[in-house]
Amino acid sequence: MKKSTDTVSNSPAIVIEKLCKSFGDHVVLKDFSLTVQKEENVVVLGKSGSGKSVLIKCIIGLLNPDSGNIWVFGENVPELAHDALDQIRARIGFLFQGNALYDSMTVRENLEFPLRRHWINHSQKQVDALVMEALENVGLAYTVNLMPEELSGGMLKRVALARTMILKPEVILYDEPTTGLDPVTAREIDNLILKLQKKYHTSSIIITHDMNCVKNTADRVALLLDGHCYAQGTYADFEQSADPNIHQFFE
């Protein structure tokens, strides 16, 4: 059930209106529209190459759409100047598909990086406390002085998630959070997504074609097909659908 949007405090976290993005003659997004309510996990489901990653890169301003609006915290991202966009990004967490940790930095230094990047004025004691809190959230406090090369694939993903959460973002964008992980580790990541949503009251868009991830994390599912938001509903709605465009994900 969608939450009320009658007051400012209950206004949606993200509103995407008629978003279009092409690369040359290749149309990726065509009049794509989607609303994400506060404290809601919306999974955007679609085949590989359907435009899911392009969508979240537009949301965070890494790509400029050809047309359309992307309202985040009441601000239209495509219209923001650089400084205003940086302020919005400080409130958005982005978990990259490839983790994007710096190989030459320790786990501690990787987690400190967003704090330095956004010019947040913290004492070293405060920084240390934030680093340890973030690592404790993912069960990896003991890795604080290790290098990324010393970590397994699942541990790397959890450290990347800790770094995503260190600024306590209000919105999180997950790009294929379970890709390349074994089923047990993937389920651990799903559980962490839910744990952090509950603890920090985050709103999230989760990009995936992993149906277990969809089932475990989604409050609502949106199917990206041919550039459009083709269908929306709960996982159960999708699972019971006879529409062949939806049913193919359950075969």
C-alpha atoms as a PDB file:
ATOM      1  CA  MET A   1       0.000   0.000   0.000  1.00  0.00           C
ATOM      2  CA  LYS A   2       1.398   3.378  -0.964  1.00  0.00           C
ATOM      3  CA  LYS A   3       2.027   5.874   1.810  1.00  0.00           C
ATOM      4  CA  SER A   4       0.204   9.185   1.998  1.00  0.00           C
ATOM      5  CA  THR A   5       1.815  12.117   0.214  1.00  0.00           C
ATOM      6  CA  ASP A   6      -0.540  14.728   1.677  1.00  0.00           C
ATOM      7  CA  THR A   7       2.143  16.512   3.708  1.00  0.00           C
ATOM      8  CA  VAL A   8       5.687  17.598   3.067  1.00  0.00           C
ATOM      9  CA  SER A   9       6.995  15.172   5.692  1.00  0.00           C
ATOM     10  CA  ASN A  10       5.345  12.312   3.832  1.00  0.00           C
ATOM     11  CA  SER A  11       6.332  13.452   0.354  1.00  0.00           C
ATOM     12  CA  PRO A  12       8.039  10.820  -1.820  1.00  0.00           C
ATOM     13  CA  ALA A  13      11.794  10.375  -1.616  1.00  0.00           C
ATOM     14  CA  ILE A  14      12.166  10.134  -5.410  1.00  0.00           C
ATOM     15  CA  VAL A  15       9.814  11.082  -8.237  1.00  0.00           C
ATOM     16  CA  ILE A  16      10.899  10.276 -11.806  1.00  0.00           C
ATOM     17  CA  GLU A  17       8.778  11.796 -14.552  1.00  0.00           C
ATOM     18  CA  LYS A  18       8.930  10.853 -18.244  1.00  0.00           C
ATOM     19  CA  LEU A  19      12.675  10.223 -18.203  1.00  0.00           C
ATOM     20  CA  CYS A  20      14.329   9.762 -21.593  1.00  0.00           C
ATOM     21  CA  LYS A  21      17.927   8.795 -22.342  1.00  0.00           C
ATOM     22  CA  SER A  22      19.511   7.680 -25.599  1.00  0.00           C
ATOM     23  CA  PHE A  23      23.031   6.958 -26.739  1.00  0.00           C
ATOM     24  CA  GLY A  24      23.108   7.851 -30.406  1.00  0.00           C
ATOM     25  CA  ASP A  25      20.291   5.924 -32.071  1.00  0.00           C
ATOM     26  CA  HIS A  26      19.997   3.518 -29.150  1.00  0.00           C
ATOM     27  CA  VAL A  27      17.031   4.458 -26.960  1.00  0.00           C
ATOM     28  CA  VAL A  28      17.584   3.232 -23.379  1.00  0.00           C
ATOM     29  CA  LEU A  29      14.902   5.060 -21.369  1.00  0.00           C
ATOM     30  CA  LYS A  30      11.692   6.339 -22.947  1.00  0.00           C
ATOM     31  CA  ASP A  31       9.166   8.206 -20.801  1.00  0.00           C
ATOM     32  CA  PHE A  32      10.165   6.193 -17.730  1.00  0.00           C
ATOM     33  CA  SER A  33       8.226   7.255 -14.624  1.00  0.00           C
ATOM     34  CA  LEU A  34       8.485   5.922 -11.070  1.00  0.00           C
ATOM     35  CA  THR A  35       7.817   7.149  -7.535  1.00  0.00           C
ATOM     36  CA  VAL A  36       9.659   5.869  -4.452  1.00  0.00           C
ATOM     37  CA  GLN A  37       8.028   6.578  -1.116  1.00  0.00           C
ATOM     38  CA  LYS A  38       9.978   7.273   2.063  1.00  0.00           C
ATOM     39  CA  GLU A  39      11.320   4.140   3.794  1.00  0.00           C
ATOM     40  CA  GLU A  40      10.407   2.015   0.765  1.00  0.00           C
ATOM     41  CA  ASN A  41      12.585  -0.458  -1.139  1.00  0.00           C
ATOM     42  CA  VAL A  42      11.681  -0.457  -4.819  1.00  0.00           C
ATOM     43  CA  VAL A  43      13.362  -3.083  -6.971  1.00  0.00           C
ATOM     44  CA  VAL A  44      13.751  -2.182 -10.635  1.00  0.00           C
ATOM     45  CA  LEU A  45      13.729  -5.481 -12.466  1.00  0.00           C
ATOM     46  CA  GLY A  46      14.883  -5.960 -16.021  1.00  0.00           C
ATOM     47  CA  LYS A  47      17.039  -7.989 -18.339  1.00  0.00           C
ATOM     48  CA  SER A  48      20.745  -7.240 -18.723  1.00  0.00           C
ATOM     49  CA  GLY A  49      21.181  -4.191 -20.926  1.00  0.00           C
ATOM     50  CA  SER A  50      17.643  -2.931 -20.337  1.00  0.00           C
ATOM     51  CA  GLY A  51      18.828   0.390 -18.876  1.00  0.00           C
ATOM     52  CA  LYS A  52      18.664  -0.263 -15.145  1.00  0.00           C
ATOM     53  CA  SER A  53      22.150   1.067 -14.385  1.00  0.00           C
ATOM     54  CA  VAL A  54      21.602   4.028 -16.703  1.00  0.00           C
ATOM     55  CA  LEU A  55      18.512   4.870 -14.668  1.00  0.00           C
ATOM     56  CA  ILE A  56      20.285   5.116 -11.324  1.00  0.00           C
ATOM     57  CA  LYS A  57      23.235   6.958 -12.850  1.00  0.00           C
ATOM     58  CA  CYS A  58      20.747   9.576 -14.040  1.00  0.00           C
ATOM     59  CA  ILE A  59      19.217   9.752 -10.556  1.00  0.00           C
ATOM     60  CA  ILE A  60      22.563  10.561  -8.947  1.00  0.00           C
ATOM     61  CA  GLY A  61      23.635  12.900 -11.740  1.00  0.00           C
ATOM     62  CA  LEU A  62      26.402  10.762 -13.226  1.00  0.00           C
ATOM     63  CA  LEU A  63      24.525  10.850 -16.537  1.00  0.00           C
ATOM     64  CA  ASN A  64      22.407  13.684 -17.909  1.00  0.00           C
ATOM     65  CA  PRO A  65      19.003  12.612 -19.250  1.00  0.00           C
ATOM     66  CA  ASP A  66      17.825  13.878 -22.603  1.00  0.00           C
ATOM     67  CA  SER A  67      14.538  14.983 -21.058  1.00  0.00           C
ATOM     68  CA  GLY A  68      12.318  14.416 -18.054  1.00  0.00           C
ATOM     69  CA  ASN A  69      12.483  15.230 -14.362  1.00  0.00           C
ATOM     70  CA  ILE A  70      14.106  13.462 -11.415  1.00  0.00           C
ATOM     71  CA  TRP A  71      12.900  14.932  -8.128  1.00  0.00           C
ATOM     72  CA  VAL A  72      15.016  13.922  -5.119  1.00  0.00           C
ATOM     73  CA  PHE A  73      14.317  15.616  -1.763  1.00  0.00           C
ATOM     74  CA  GLY A  74      12.192  18.094  -3.714  1.00  0.00           C
ATOM     75  CA  GLU A  75      15.077  19.102  -6.015  1.00  0.00           C
ATOM     76  CA  ASN A  76      15.109  18.410  -9.762  1.00  0.00           C
ATOM     77  CA  VAL A  77      18.490  16.713 -10.257  1.00  0.00           C
ATOM     78  CA  PRO A  78      18.986  17.514 -13.990  1.00  0.00           C
ATOM     79  CA  GLU A  79      18.618  21.222 -13.247  1.00  0.00           C
ATOM     80  CA  LEU A  80      21.048  21.412 -10.324  1.00  0.00           C
ATOM     81  CA  ALA A  81      24.327  23.284 -10.483  1.00  0.00           C
ATOM     82  CA  HIS A  82      27.464  21.385  -9.439  1.00  0.00           C
ATOM     83  CA  ASP A  83      27.544  22.556  -5.803  1.00  0.00           C
ATOM     84  CA  ALA A  84      23.840  21.847  -5.270  1.00  0.00           C
ATOM     85  CA  LEU A  85      24.253  18.425  -6.870  1.00  0.00           C
ATOM     86  CA  ASP A  86      27.103  17.630  -4.464  1.00  0.00           C
ATOM     87  CA  GLN A  87      24.841  18.519  -1.534  1.00  0.00           C
ATOM     88  CA  ILE A  88      22.195  16.107  -2.836  1.00  0.00           C
ATOM     89  CA  ARG A  89      24.793  13.377  -3.393  1.00  0.00           C
ATOM     90  CA  ALA A  90      25.886  13.664   0.238  1.00  0.00           C
ATOM     91  CA  ARG A  91      22.380  12.457   1.154  1.00  0.00           C
ATOM     92  CA  ILE A  92      22.387   9.576  -1.344  1.00  0.00           C
ATOM     93  CA  GLY A  93      24.317   6.340  -0.960  1.00  0.00           C
ATOM     94  CA  PHE A  94      25.422   4.490  -4.102  1.00  0.00           C
ATOM     95  CA  LEU A  95      26.520   0.858  -3.944  1.00  0.00           C
ATOM     96  CA  PHE A  96      28.425   0.198  -7.172  1.00  0.00           C
ATOM     97  CA  GLN A  97      28.158  -3.196  -8.845  1.00  0.00           C
ATOM     98  CA  GLY A  98      31.936  -3.612  -8.763  1.00  0.00           C
ATOM     99  CA  ASN A  99      32.225  -2.216  -5.191  1.00  0.00           C
ATOM    100  CA  ALA A 100      34.631   0.561  -6.335  1.00  0.00           C
ATOM    101  CA  LEU A 101      36.957   0.222  -3.354  1.00  0.00           C
ATOM    102  CA  TYR A 102      40.436   1.690  -3.682  1.00  0.00           C
ATOM    103  CA  ASP A 103      42.983  -1.139  -3.780  1.00  0.00           C
ATOM    104  CA  SER A 104      45.748   1.083  -2.409  1.00  0.00           C
ATOM    105  CA  MET A 105      43.741   2.083   0.676  1.00  0.00           C
ATOM    106  CA  THR A 106      42.977   0.122   3.821  1.00  0.00           C
ATOM    107  CA  VAL A 107      39.367  -0.595   4.741  1.00  0.00           C
ATOM    108  CA  ARG A 108      39.540   2.315   7.193  1.00  0.00           C
ATOM    109  CA  GLU A 109      40.833   4.701   4.523  1.00  0.00           C
ATOM    110  CA  ASN A 110      38.163   3.557   2.059  1.00  0.00           C
ATOM    111  CA  LEU A 111      35.452   4.337   4.587  1.00  0.00           C
ATOM    112  CA  GLU A 112      36.985   7.674   5.532  1.00  0.00           C
ATOM    113  CA  PHE A 113      37.056   8.774   1.898  1.00  0.00           C
ATOM    114  CA  PRO A 114      33.376   9.886   1.623  1.00  0.00           C
ATOM    115  CA  LEU A 115      33.778  11.954   4.791  1.00  0.00           C
ATOM    116  CA  ARG A 116      36.769  13.761   3.245  1.00  0.00           C
ATOM    117  CA  ARG A 117      35.105  14.004  -0.172  1.00  0.00           C
ATOM    118  CA  HIS A 118      32.091  15.884   1.171  1.00  0.00           C
ATOM    119  CA  TRP A 119      34.155  18.221   3.350  1.00  0.00           C
ATOM    120  CA  ILE A 120      32.371  17.177   6.516  1.00  0.00           C
ATOM    121  CA  ASN A 121      33.971  18.773   9.552  1.00  0.00           C
ATOM    122  CA  HIS A 122      34.545  15.878  11.949  1.00  0.00           C
ATOM    123  CA  SER A 123      37.289  15.349  14.483  1.00  0.00           C
ATOM    124  CA  GLN A 124      39.420  12.237  14.048  1.00  0.00           C
ATOM    125  CA  LYS A 125      37.664  10.739  17.059  1.00  0.00           C
ATOM    126  CA  GLN A 126      34.298  11.245  15.354  1.00  0.00           C
ATOM    127  CA  VAL A 127      35.621   9.821  12.093  1.00  0.00           C
ATOM    128  CA  ASP A 128      36.932   6.744  13.911  1.00  0.00           C
ATOM    129  CA  ALA A 129      33.560   6.243  15.588  1.00  0.00           C
ATOM    130  CA  LEU A 130      31.689   6.520  12.261  1.00  0.00           C
ATOM    131  CA  VAL A 131      34.069   4.045  10.610  1.00  0.00           C
ATOM    132  CA  MET A 132      33.627   1.493  13.374  1.00  0.00           C
ATOM    133  CA  GLU A 133      29.842   1.955  13.464  1.00  0.00           C
ATOM    134  CA  ALA A 134      29.635   1.379   9.703  1.00  0.00           C
ATOM    135  CA  LEU A 135      31.793  -1.749   9.891  1.00  0.00           C
ATOM    136  CA  GLU A 136      29.900  -3.095  12.891  1.00  0.00           C
ATOM    137  CA  ASN A 137      26.670  -2.693  10.906  1.00  0.00           C
ATOM    138  CA  VAL A 138      28.003  -5.220   8.384  1.00  0.00           C
ATOM    139  CA  GLY A 139      29.799  -7.433  10.894  1.00  0.00           C
ATOM    140  CA  LEU A 140      33.324  -6.562   9.767  1.00  0.00           C
ATOM    141  CA  ALA A 141      34.836  -4.378  12.494  1.00  0.00           C
ATOM    142  CA  TYR A 142      37.890  -6.638  12.595  1.00  0.00           C
ATOM    143  CA  THR A 143      38.792  -5.795   8.970  1.00  0.00           C
ATOM    144  CA  VAL A 144      39.400  -2.096   9.644  1.00  0.00           C
ATOM    145  CA  ASN A 145      43.152  -2.222   8.975  1.00  0.00           C
ATOM    146  CA  LEU A 146      43.096  -4.835   6.188  1.00  0.00           C
ATOM    147  CA  MET A 147      43.612  -4.175   2.490  1.00  0.00           C
ATOM    148  CA  PRO A 148      40.891  -5.012  -0.041  1.00  0.00           C
ATOM    149  CA  GLU A 149      43.052  -7.793  -1.516  1.00  0.00           C
ATOM    150  CA  GLU A 150      42.829  -9.585   1.835  1.00  0.00           C
ATOM    151  CA  LEU A 151      39.023  -9.800   1.690  1.00  0.00           C
ATOM    152  CA  SER A 152      36.700 -12.298   0.014  1.00  0.00           C
ATOM    153  CA  GLY A 153      34.128 -11.213  -2.572  1.00  0.00           C
ATOM    154  CA  GLY A 154      31.344 -11.175  -0.001  1.00  0.00           C
ATOM    155  CA  MET A 155      33.458  -9.201   2.454  1.00  0.00           C
ATOM    156  CA  LEU A 156      34.305  -6.661  -0.244  1.00  0.00           C
ATOM    157  CA  LYS A 157      30.607  -6.163  -0.918  1.00  0.00           C
ATOM    158  CA  ARG A 158      29.890  -5.677   2.778  1.00  0.00           C
ATOM    159  CA  VAL A 159      32.743  -3.168   3.149  1.00  0.00           C
ATOM    160  CA  ALA A 160      31.402  -1.310   0.106  1.00  0.00           C
ATOM    161  CA  LEU A 161      27.992  -1.269   1.769  1.00  0.00           C
ATOM    162  CA  ALA A 162      29.540   0.050   4.989  1.00  0.00           C
ATOM    163  CA  ARG A 163      31.178   2.860   3.007  1.00  0.00           C
ATOM    164  CA  THR A 164      27.839   3.610   1.329  1.00  0.00           C
ATOM    165  CA  MET A 165      26.206   3.947   4.756  1.00  0.00           C
ATOM    166  CA  ILE A 166      28.889   5.974   6.547  1.00  0.00           C
ATOM    167  CA  LEU A 167      27.186   9.288   5.725  1.00  0.00           C
ATOM    168  CA  LYS A 168      23.853   7.823   6.892  1.00  0.00           C
ATOM    169  CA  PRO A 169      22.154   8.576   3.567  1.00  0.00           C
ATOM    170  CA  GLU A 170      18.410   9.011   3.307  1.00  0.00           C
ATOM    171  CA  VAL A 171      18.314   7.327  -0.103  1.00  0.00           C
ATOM    172  CA  ILE A 172      20.403   4.382  -1.280  1.00  0.00           C
ATOM    173  CA  LEU A 173      20.857   3.232  -4.878  1.00  0.00           C
ATOM    174  CA  TYR A 174      21.972  -0.392  -5.177  1.00  0.00           C
ATOM    175  CA  ASP A 175      23.426  -1.491  -8.526  1.00  0.00           C
ATOM    176  CA  GLU A 176      23.237  -5.314  -8.761  1.00  0.00           C
ATOM    177  CA  PRO A 177      24.147  -5.823  -5.076  1.00  0.00           C
ATOM    178  CA  THR A 178      24.300  -9.649  -5.287  1.00  0.00           C
ATOM    179  CA  THR A 179      25.897 -10.169  -8.704  1.00  0.00           C
ATOM    180  CA  GLY A 180      28.767 -12.673  -8.596  1.00  0.00           C
ATOM    181  CA  LEU A 181      28.021 -13.827  -5.053  1.00  0.00           C
ATOM    182  CA  ASP A 182      27.196 -17.357  -3.964  1.00  0.00           C
ATOM    183  CA  PRO A 183      23.600 -17.912  -2.747  1.00  0.00           C
ATOM    184  CA  VAL A 184      24.494 -17.850   0.962  1.00  0.00           C
ATOM    185  CA  THR A 185      26.495 -14.630   0.700  1.00  0.00           C
ATOM    186  CA  ALA A 186      23.847 -13.063  -1.546  1.00  0.00           C
ATOM    187  CA  ARG A 187      21.228 -13.760   1.126  1.00  0.00           C
ATOM    188  CA  GLU A 188      23.489 -12.109   3.721  1.00  0.00           C
ATOM    189  CA  ILE A 189      23.618  -8.977   1.551  1.00  0.00           C
ATOM    190  CA  ASP A 190      19.820  -9.057   1.159  1.00  0.00           C
ATOM    191  CA  ASN A 191      19.458  -9.245   4.940  1.00  0.00           C
ATOM    192  CA  LEU A 192      21.863  -6.328   5.397  1.00  0.00           C
ATOM    193  CA  ILE A 193      19.823  -4.223   2.971  1.00  0.00           C
ATOM    194  CA  LEU A 194      16.726  -4.877   5.082  1.00  0.00           C
ATOM    195  CA  LYS A 195      18.581  -4.314   8.360  1.00  0.00           C
ATOM    196  CA  LEU A 196      19.917  -0.939   7.241  1.00  0.00           C
ATOM    197  CA  GLN A 197      16.542   0.104   5.845  1.00  0.00           C
ATOM    198  CA  LYS A 198      14.965  -0.577   9.230  1.00  0.00           C
ATOM    199  CA  LYS A 199      17.765   0.997  11.296  1.00  0.00           C
ATOM    200  CA  TYR A 200      18.218   4.185   9.267  1.00  0.00           C
ATOM    201  CA  HIS A 201      14.736   4.490   7.676  1.00  0.00           C
ATOM    202  CA  THR A 202      16.219   4.634   4.196  1.00  0.00           C
ATOM    203  CA  SER A 203      14.449   4.737   0.851  1.00  0.00           C
ATOM    204  CA  SER A 204      16.083   2.606  -1.819  1.00  0.00           C
ATOM    205  CA  ILE A 205      16.104   1.690  -5.469  1.00  0.00           C
ATOM    206  CA  ILE A 206      17.601  -1.751  -5.986  1.00  0.00           C
ATOM    207  CA  ILE A 207      18.673  -2.647  -9.512  1.00  0.00           C
ATOM    208  CA  THR A 208      18.801  -6.386 -10.089  1.00  0.00           C
ATOM    209  CA  HIS A 209      17.779  -9.379 -12.182  1.00  0.00           C
ATOM    210  CA  ASP A 210      18.424 -11.736  -9.237  1.00  0.00           C
ATOM    211  CA  MET A 211      14.946 -13.003  -8.375  1.00  0.00           C
ATOM    212  CA  ASN A 212      15.978 -14.090  -4.878  1.00  0.00           C
ATOM    213  CA  CYS A 213      17.135 -10.536  -4.195  1.00  0.00           C
ATOM    214  CA  VAL A 214      13.832  -9.237  -5.545  1.00  0.00           C
ATOM    215  CA  LYS A 215      11.825 -11.584  -3.324  1.00  0.00           C
ATOM    216  CA  ASN A 216      13.887 -10.856  -0.214  1.00  0.00           C
ATOM    217  CA  THR A 217      14.210  -7.062  -0.406  1.00  0.00           C
ATOM    218  CA  ALA A 218      11.341  -5.544  -2.418  1.00  0.00           C
ATOM    219  CA  ASP A 219       8.450  -3.657  -0.918  1.00  0.00           C
ATOM    220  CA  ARG A 220       7.466  -3.027  -4.530  1.00  0.00           C
ATOM    221  CA  VAL A 221       8.753  -4.144  -7.921  1.00  0.00           C
ATOM    222  CA  ALA A 222       8.915  -2.100 -11.133  1.00  0.00           C
ATOM    223  CA  LEU A 223       9.666  -3.803 -14.452  1.00  0.00           C
ATOM    224  CA  LEU A 224      11.828  -1.831 -16.881  1.00  0.00           C
ATOM    225  CA  LEU A 225      10.988  -3.014 -20.387  1.00  0.00           C
ATOM    226  CA  ASP A 226      11.672  -1.279 -23.691  1.00  0.00           C
ATOM    227  CA  GLY A 227      12.594   1.893 -21.819  1.00  0.00           C
ATOM    228  CA  HIS A 228       9.277   2.122 -19.979  1.00  0.00           C
ATOM    229  CA  CYS A 229       8.111   1.283 -16.488  1.00  0.00           C
ATOM    230  CA  TYR A 230       6.051  -1.590 -17.884  1.00  0.00           C
ATOM    231  CA  ALA A 231       4.464  -2.838 -14.651  1.00  0.00           C
ATOM    232  CA  GLN A 232       4.515  -2.267 -10.888  1.00  0.00           C
ATOM    233  CA  GLY A 233       3.389  -4.389  -7.967  1.00  0.00           C
ATOM    234  CA  THR A 234       4.488  -6.612  -5.133  1.00  0.00           C
ATOM    235  CA  TYR A 235       6.656  -9.676  -5.656  1.00  0.00           C
ATOM    236  CA  ALA A 236       3.519 -11.794  -5.171  1.00  0.00           C
ATOM    237  CA  ASP A 237       1.711  -9.796  -7.866  1.00  0.00           C
ATOM    238  CA  PHE A 238       4.548 -10.465 -10.289  1.00  0.00           C
ATOM    239  CA  GLU A 239       4.881 -14.130  -9.334  1.00  0.00           C
ATOM    240  CA  GLN A 240       1.186 -14.736  -9.989  1.00  0.00           C
ATOM    241  CA  SER A 241       1.069 -12.747 -13.227  1.00  0.00           C
ATOM    242  CA  ALA A 242       0.256 -14.539 -16.477  1.00  0.00           C
ATOM    243  CA  ASP A 243       1.797 -11.724 -18.534  1.00  0.00           C
ATOM    244  CA  PRO A 244       4.616 -13.372 -20.535  1.00  0.00           C
ATOM    245  CA  ASN A 245       6.833 -10.292 -20.135  1.00  0.00           C
ATOM    246  CA  ILE A 246       6.651 -10.768 -16.370  1.00  0.00           C
ATOM    247  CA  HIS A 247       6.381 -14.546 -16.227  1.00  0.00           C
ATOM    248  CA  GLN A 248       9.714 -15.005 -18.041  1.00  0.00           C
ATOM    249  CA  PHE A 249      11.575 -13.928 -14.886  1.00  0.00           C
ATOM    250  CA  PHE A 250      10.048 -16.821 -12.928  1.00  0.00           C
ATOM    251  CA  GLU A 251      10.840 -19.615 -15.359  1.00  0.00           C
END
